[in-house]
Amino acid sequence: QGLGELILRLRDKICANPRSGVAKEHFRVHLV
């Protein structure tokens, strides 16, 4: 559950920056 919350928190932080050039619906993450 916490991993899912971390993914969404990271998405929101990155996509809130207009310089990232990535919209929320196109945000992706690699899990290692």
All heavy atoms as atom14 arrays in JSON, in Angstrom:
{
  "sequence": "QGLGELILRLRDKICANPRSGVAKEHFRVHLV",
  "atom14_mask": [
    [1, 1, 1, 1, 1, 1, 1, 1, 1, 0, 0, 0, 0, 0],
    [1, 1, 1, 1, 0, 0, 0, 0, 0, 0, 0, 0, 0, 0],
    [1, 1, 1, 1, 1, 1, 1, 1, 0, 0, 0, 0, 0, 0],
    [1, 1, 1, 1, 0, 0, 0, 0, 0, 0, 0, 0, 0, 0],
    [1, 1, 1, 1, 1, 1, 1, 1, 1, 0, 0, 0, 0, 0],
    [1, 1, 1, 1, 1, 1, 1, 1, 0, 0, 0, 0, 0, 0],
    [1, 1, 1, 1, 1, 1, 1, 1, 0, 0, 0, 0, 0, 0],
    [1, 1, 1, 1, 1, 1, 1, 1, 0, 0, 0, 0, 0, 0],
    [1, 1, 1, 1, 1, 1, 1, 1, 1, 1, 1, 0, 0, 0],
    [1, 1, 1, 1, 1, 1, 1, 1, 0, 0, 0, 0, 0, 0],
    [1, 1, 1, 1, 1, 1, 1, 1, 1, 1, 1, 0, 0, 0],
    [1, 1, 1, 1, 1, 1, 1, 1, 0, 0, 0, 0, 0, 0],
    [1, 1, 1, 1, 1, 1, 1, 1, 1, 0, 0, 0, 0, 0],
    [1, 1, 1, 1, 1, 1, 1, 1, 0, 0, 0, 0, 0, 0],
    [1, 1, 1, 1, 1, 1, 0, 0, 0, 0, 0, 0, 0, 0],
    [1, 1, 1, 1, 1, 0, 0, 0, 0, 0, 0, 0, 0, 0],
    [1, 1, 1, 1, 1, 1, 1, 1, 0, 0, 0, 0, 0, 0],
    [1, 1, 1, 1, 1, 1, 1, 0, 0, 0, 0, 0, 0, 0],
    [1, 1, 1, 1, 1, 1, 1, 1, 1, 1, 1, 0, 0, 0],
    [1, 1, 1, 1, 1, 1, 0, 0, 0, 0, 0, 0, 0, 0],
    [1, 1, 1, 1, 0, 0, 0, 0, 0, 0, 0, 0, 0, 0],
    [1, 1, 1, 1, 1, 1, 1, 0, 0, 0, 0, 0, 0, 0],
    [1, 1, 1, 1, 1, 0, 0, 0, 0, 0, 0, 0, 0, 0],
    [1, 1, 1, 1, 1, 1, 1, 1, 1, 0, 0, 0, 0, 0],
    [1, 1, 1, 1, 1, 1, 1, 1, 1, 0, 0, 0, 0, 0],
    [1, 1, 1, 1, 1, 1, 1, 1, 1, 1, 0, 0, 0, 0],
    [1, 1, 1, 1, 1, 1, 1, 1, 1, 1, 1, 0, 0, 0],
    [1, 1, 1, 1, 1, 1, 1, 1, 1, 1, 1, 0, 0, 0],
    [1, 1, 1, 1, 1, 1, 1, 0, 0, 0, 0, 0, 0, 0],
    [1, 1, 1, 1, 1, 1, 1, 1, 1, 1, 0, 0, 0, 0],
    [1, 1, 1, 1, 1, 1, 1, 1, 0, 0, 0, 0, 0, 0],
    [1, 1, 1, 1, 1, 1, 1, 0, 0, 0, 0, 0, 0, 0]
  ],
  "atom14_positions": [
    [[0.83, -1.2, 0.0], [0.0, 0.0, 0.0], [0.87, 1.25, 0.0], [0.63, 2.21, -0.74], [-0.89, 0.01, 1.25], [-2.0, -1.04, 1.26], [-3.3, -0.53, 0.67], [-3.33, 0.5, 0.02], [-4.38, -1.28, 0.87], [0.0, 0.0, 0.0], [0.0, 0.0, 0.0], [0.0, 0.0, 0.0], [0.0, 0.0, 0.0], [0.0, 0.0, 0.0]],
    [[1.9, 1.25, 0.85], [2.79, 2.4, 0.93], [3.54, 2.66, -0.36], [3.8, 3.83, -0.71], [0.0, 0.0, 0.0], [0.0, 0.0, 0.0], [0.0, 0.0, 0.0], [0.0, 0.0, 0.0], [0.0, 0.0, 0.0], [0.0, 0.0, 0.0], [0.0, 0.0, 0.0], [0.0, 0.0, 0.0], [0.0, 0.0, 0.0], [0.0, 0.0, 0.0]],
    [[3.89, 1.59, -1.07], [4.57, 1.77, -2.35], [3.66, 2.48, -3.35], [4.09, 3.38, -4.07], [5.0, 0.41, -2.9], [5.66, 0.41, -4.27], [6.92, 1.29, -4.29], [6.01, -1.02, -4.71], [0.0, 0.0, 0.0], [0.0, 0.0, 0.0], [0.0, 0.0, 0.0], [0.0, 0.0, 0.0], [0.0, 0.0, 0.0], [0.0, 0.0, 0.0]],
    [[2.39, 2.09, -3.37], [1.45, 2.77, -4.26], [1.31, 4.25, -3.92], [1.25, 5.1, -4.81], [0.0, 0.0, 0.0], [0.0, 0.0, 0.0], [0.0, 0.0, 0.0], [0.0, 0.0, 0.0], [0.0, 0.0, 0.0], [0.0, 0.0, 0.0], [0.0, 0.0, 0.0], [0.0, 0.0, 0.0], [0.0, 0.0, 0.0], [0.0, 0.0, 0.0]],
    [[1.27, 4.55, -2.64], [1.18, 5.95, -2.22], [2.43, 6.73, -2.61], [2.34, 7.9, -3.02], [0.97, 6.0, -0.71], [-0.38, 5.44, -0.27], [-0.46, 5.2, 1.23], [0.52, 5.57, 1.94], [-1.48, 4.65, 1.7], [0.0, 0.0, 0.0], [0.0, 0.0, 0.0], [0.0, 0.0, 0.0], [0.0, 0.0, 0.0], [0.0, 0.0, 0.0]],
    [[3.6, 6.1, -2.5], [4.85, 6.76, -2.88], [4.85, 7.07, -4.38], [5.28, 8.16, -4.8], [6.04, 5.87, -2.51], [7.42, 6.36, -2.98], [7.76, 7.71, -2.35], [8.5, 5.33, -2.64], [0.0, 0.0, 0.0], [0.0, 0.0, 0.0], [0.0, 0.0, 0.0], [0.0, 0.0, 0.0], [0.0, 0.0, 0.0], [0.0, 0.0, 0.0]],
    [[4.38, 6.14, -5.2], [4.34, 6.35, -6.65], [3.49, 7.58, -6.98], [3.9, 8.44, -7.79], [3.8, 5.1, -7.36], [4.8, 3.95, -7.25], [3.48, 5.4, -8.83], [4.25, 2.61, -7.73], [0.0, 0.0, 0.0], [0.0, 0.0, 0.0], [0.0, 0.0, 0.0], [0.0, 0.0, 0.0], [0.0, 0.0, 0.0], [0.0, 0.0, 0.0]],
    [[2.34, 7.67, -6.37], [1.44, 8.8, -6.68], [1.98, 10.12, -6.14], [1.83, 11.17, -6.77], [0.05, 8.52, -6.11], [-0.7, 7.33, -6.72], [-2.08, 7.2, -6.13], [-0.78, 7.44, -8.23], [0.0, 0.0, 0.0], [0.0, 0.0, 0.0], [0.0, 0.0, 0.0], [0.0, 0.0, 0.0], [0.0, 0.0, 0.0], [0.0, 0.0, 0.0]],
    [[2.63, 10.07, -4.97], [3.22, 11.29, -4.42], [4.36, 11.77, -5.31], [4.49, 12.98, -5.58], [3.72, 11.03, -3.01], [4.18, 12.28, -2.28], [4.27, 12.06, -0.78], [5.23, 11.05, -0.41], [4.92, 9.85, 0.08], [3.63, 9.51, 0.25], [5.85, 8.99, 0.4], [0.0, 0.0, 0.0], [0.0, 0.0, 0.0], [0.0, 0.0, 0.0]],
    [[5.17, 10.83, -5.81], [6.25, 11.19, -6.72], [5.7, 11.76, -8.02], [6.2, 12.76, -8.54], [7.12, 9.96, -7.0], [8.29, 10.14, -7.97], [9.3, 11.14, -7.42], [8.97, 8.79, -8.23], [0.0, 0.0, 0.0], [0.0, 0.0, 0.0], [0.0, 0.0, 0.0], [0.0, 0.0, 0.0], [0.0, 0.0, 0.0], [0.0, 0.0, 0.0]],
    [[4.65, 11.14, -8.53], [4.01, 11.63, -9.76], [3.52, 13.07, -9.58], [3.76, 13.94, -10.43], [2.84, 10.71, -10.12], [2.07, 11.14, -11.37], [0.68, 10.55, -11.39], [-0.14, 11.08, -10.28], [-1.41, 10.71, -10.07], [-2.0, 9.83, -10.87], [-2.08, 11.23, -9.06], [0.0, 0.0, 0.0], [0.0, 0.0, 0.0], [0.0, 0.0, 0.0]],
    [[2.82, 13.31, -8.49], [2.26, 14.65, -8.26], [3.35, 15.7, -8.13], [3.21, 16.82, -8.64], [1.37, 14.63, -7.02], [0.12, 13.78, -7.19], [-0.19, 13.45, -8.35], [-0.52, 13.46, -6.18], [0.0, 0.0, 0.0], [0.0, 0.0, 0.0], [0.0, 0.0, 0.0], [0.0, 0.0, 0.0], [0.0, 0.0, 0.0], [0.0, 0.0, 0.0]],
    [[4.44, 15.35, -7.45], [5.53, 16.3, -7.25], [6.2, 16.65, -8.58], [6.47, 17.81, -8.87], [6.56, 15.71, -6.29], [6.09, 15.59, -4.86], [6.59, 16.75, -4.03], [6.26, 16.56, -2.57], [6.81, 17.64, -1.74], [0.0, 0.0, 0.0], [0.0, 0.0, 0.0], [0.0, 0.0, 0.0], [0.0, 0.0, 0.0], [0.0, 0.0, 0.0]],
    [[6.48, 15.61, -9.39], [7.18, 15.85, -10.65], [6.28, 16.59, -11.64], [6.7, 17.56, -12.29], [7.68, 14.52, -11.24], [8.86, 13.98, -10.42], [8.08, 14.68, -12.7], [9.4, 12.65, -10.89], [0.0, 0.0, 0.0], [0.0, 0.0, 0.0], [0.0, 0.0, 0.0], [0.0, 0.0, 0.0], [0.0, 0.0, 0.0], [0.0, 0.0, 0.0]],
    [[5.05, 16.14, -11.77], [4.17, 16.73, -12.78], [3.68, 18.13, -12.41], [3.18, 18.86, -13.27], [2.97, 15.8, -13.03], [3.45, 14.2, -13.73], [0.0, 0.0, 0.0], [0.0, 0.0, 0.0], [0.0, 0.0, 0.0], [0.0, 0.0, 0.0], [0.0, 0.0, 0.0], [0.0, 0.0, 0.0], [0.0, 0.0, 0.0], [0.0, 0.0, 0.0]],
    [[3.82, 18.49, -11.14], [3.46, 19.85, -10.74], [4.44, 20.88, -11.27], [4.12, 22.07, -11.36], [3.39, 19.94, -9.21], [0.0, 0.0, 0.0], [0.0, 0.0, 0.0], [0.0, 0.0, 0.0], [0.0, 0.0, 0.0], [0.0, 0.0, 0.0], [0.0, 0.0, 0.0], [0.0, 0.0, 0.0], [0.0, 0.0, 0.0], [0.0, 0.0, 0.0]],
    [[5.62, 20.41, -11.65], [6.64, 21.29, -12.21], [6.43, 21.38, -13.72], [6.64, 20.4, -14.44], [8.02, 20.75, -11.89], [9.14, 21.61, -12.44], [8.9, 22.69, -13.0], [10.37, 21.13, -12.33], [0.0, 0.0, 0.0], [0.0, 0.0, 0.0], [0.0, 0.0, 0.0], [0.0, 0.0, 0.0], [0.0, 0.0, 0.0], [0.0, 0.0, 0.0]],
    [[6.07, 22.52, -14.26], [5.81, 22.63, -15.71], [7.04, 22.34, -16.55], [6.93, 21.97, -17.72], [5.32, 24.07, -15.88], [5.82, 24.8, -14.67], [5.84, 23.81, -13.56], [0.0, 0.0, 0.0], [0.0, 0.0, 0.0], [0.0, 0.0, 0.0], [0.0, 0.0, 0.0], [0.0, 0.0, 0.0], [0.0, 0.0, 0.0], [0.0, 0.0, 0.0]],
    [[8.22, 22.5, -15.95], [9.44, 22.22, -16.71], [9.67, 20.73, -16.94], [10.5, 20.35, -17.76], [10.65, 22.83, -15.99], [10.76, 24.35, -16.15], [12.09, 24.86, -15.64], [12.21, 24.73, -14.2], [11.77, 25.65, -13.34], [11.18, 26.75, -13.79], [11.92, 25.49, -12.04], [0.0, 0.0, 0.0], [0.0, 0.0, 0.0], [0.0, 0.0, 0.0]],
    [[8.95, 19.88, -16.22], [9.13, 18.44, -16.42], [8.63, 18.0, -17.79], [9.15, 17.06, -18.38], [8.38, 17.66, -15.33], [6.98, 17.73, -15.52], [0.0, 0.0, 0.0], [0.0, 0.0, 0.0], [0.0, 0.0, 0.0], [0.0, 0.0, 0.0], [0.0, 0.0, 0.0], [0.0, 0.0, 0.0], [0.0, 0.0, 0.0], [0.0, 0.0, 0.0]],
    [[7.61, 18.69, -18.32], [7.09, 18.36, -19.65], [6.29, 17.08, -19.68], [6.06, 16.52, -20.76], [0.0, 0.0, 0.0], [0.0, 0.0, 0.0], [0.0, 0.0, 0.0], [0.0, 0.0, 0.0], [0.0, 0.0, 0.0], [0.0, 0.0, 0.0], [0.0, 0.0, 0.0], [0.0, 0.0, 0.0], [0.0, 0.0, 0.0], [0.0, 0.0, 0.0]],
    [[5.86, 16.58, -18.51], [5.13, 15.31, -18.46], [3.81, 15.52, -17.74], [3.78, 16.03, -16.62], [5.95, 14.22, -17.73], [5.15, 12.93, -17.63], [7.27, 13.97, -18.45], [0.0, 0.0, 0.0], [0.0, 0.0, 0.0], [0.0, 0.0, 0.0], [0.0, 0.0, 0.0], [0.0, 0.0, 0.0], [0.0, 0.0, 0.0], [0.0, 0.0, 0.0]],
    [[2.72, 15.13, -18.39], [1.41, 15.19, -17.75], [1.2, 13.96, -16.89], [1.83, 12.92, -17.09], [0.32, 15.28, -18.82], [0.0, 0.0, 0.0], [0.0, 0.0, 0.0], [0.0, 0.0, 0.0], [0.0, 0.0, 0.0], [0.0, 0.0, 0.0], [0.0, 0.0, 0.0], [0.0, 0.0, 0.0], [0.0, 0.0, 0.0], [0.0, 0.0, 0.0]],
    [[0.29, 14.06, -15.93], [0.07, 12.95, -15.01], [-0.29, 11.66, -15.72], [0.15, 10.58, -15.32], [-1.03, 13.32, -14.0], [-0.6, 14.27, -12.9], [-1.72, 14.44, -11.88], [-1.28, 15.35, -10.73], [-2.35, 15.5, -9.72], [0.0, 0.0, 0.0], [0.0, 0.0, 0.0], [0.0, 0.0, 0.0], [0.0, 0.0, 0.0], [0.0, 0.0, 0.0]],
    [[-1.12, 11.76, -16.76], [-1.56, 10.53, -17.42], [-0.43, 9.83, -18.18], [-0.55, 8.66, -18.54], [-2.73, 10.82, -18.38], [-2.41, 11.78, -19.51], [-2.73, 13.22, -19.15], [-2.72, 13.57, -17.95], [-3.03, 13.99, -20.08], [0.0, 0.0, 0.0], [0.0, 0.0, 0.0], [0.0, 0.0, 0.0], [0.0, 0.0, 0.0], [0.0, 0.0, 0.0]],
    [[0.66, 10.54, -18.43], [1.79, 9.93, -19.14], [2.98, 9.65, -18.22], [4.01, 9.15, -18.68], [2.24, 10.83, -20.29], [1.18, 11.02, -21.34], [0.52, 9.98, -21.92], [0.67, 12.16, -21.88], [-0.35, 10.45, -22.79], [-0.29, 11.76, -22.78], [0.0, 0.0, 0.0], [0.0, 0.0, 0.0], [0.0, 0.0, 0.0], [0.0, 0.0, 0.0]],
    [[2.84, 9.96, -16.94], [3.91, 9.69, -15.98], [4.07, 8.17, -15.82], [3.1, 7.43, -15.72], [3.56, 10.31, -14.62], [4.51, 9.94, -13.52], [5.66, 10.68, -13.3], [4.26, 8.83, -12.7], [6.54, 10.33, -12.27], [5.12, 8.48, -11.68], [6.28, 9.24, -11.47], [0.0, 0.0, 0.0], [0.0, 0.0, 0.0], [0.0, 0.0, 0.0]],
    [[5.33, 7.74, -15.83], [5.64, 6.33, -15.61], [6.83, 6.22, -14.65], [7.62, 7.15, -14.51], [5.98, 5.62, -16.92], [4.82, 5.52, -17.9], [3.71, 4.61, -17.39], [2.61, 4.51, -18.34], [1.55, 5.31, -18.37], [1.45, 6.31, -17.51], [0.6, 5.12, -19.26], [0.0, 0.0, 0.0], [0.0, 0.0, 0.0], [0.0, 0.0, 0.0]],
    [[6.94, 5.05, -14.03], [8.02, 4.82, -13.07], [8.55, 3.4, -13.27], [7.81, 2.48, -13.65], [7.51, 5.03, -11.62], [6.48, 3.97, -11.25], [8.66, 5.02, -10.64], [0.0, 0.0, 0.0], [0.0, 0.0, 0.0], [0.0, 0.0, 0.0], [0.0, 0.0, 0.0], [0.0, 0.0, 0.0], [0.0, 0.0, 0.0], [0.0, 0.0, 0.0]],
    [[9.85, 3.23, -13.04], [10.47, 1.91, -13.03], [10.63, 1.46, -11.59], [11.13, 2.22, -10.75], [11.86, 1.93, -13.69], [11.85, 2.24, -15.15], [11.01, 1.62, -16.04], [12.62, 3.1, -15.89], [11.26, 2.07, -17.26], [12.21, 2.97, -17.19], [0.0, 0.0, 0.0], [0.0, 0.0, 0.0], [0.0, 0.0, 0.0], [0.0, 0.0, 0.0]],
    [[10.24, 0.22, -11.3], [10.49, -0.37, -9.99], [11.68, -1.31, -10.08], [11.75, -2.15, -10.99], [9.26, -1.14, -9.49], [7.96, -0.34, -9.32], [6.85, -1.25, -8.8], [8.17, 0.85, -8.4], [0.0, 0.0, 0.0], [0.0, 0.0, 0.0], [0.0, 0.0, 0.0], [0.0, 0.0, 0.0], [0.0, 0.0, 0.0], [0.0, 0.0, 0.0]],
    [[12.62, -1.17, -9.15], [13.81, -2.03, -9.09], [13.85, -2.58, -7.68], [13.83, -1.81, -6.7], [15.09, -1.24, -9.4], [16.32, -2.13, -9.28], [15.01, -0.63, -10.8], [0.0, 0.0, 0.0], [0.0, 0.0, 0.0], [0.0, 0.0, 0.0], [0.0, 0.0, 0.0], [0.0, 0.0, 0.0], [0.0, 0.0, 0.0], [0.0, 0.0, 0.0]]
  ]
}
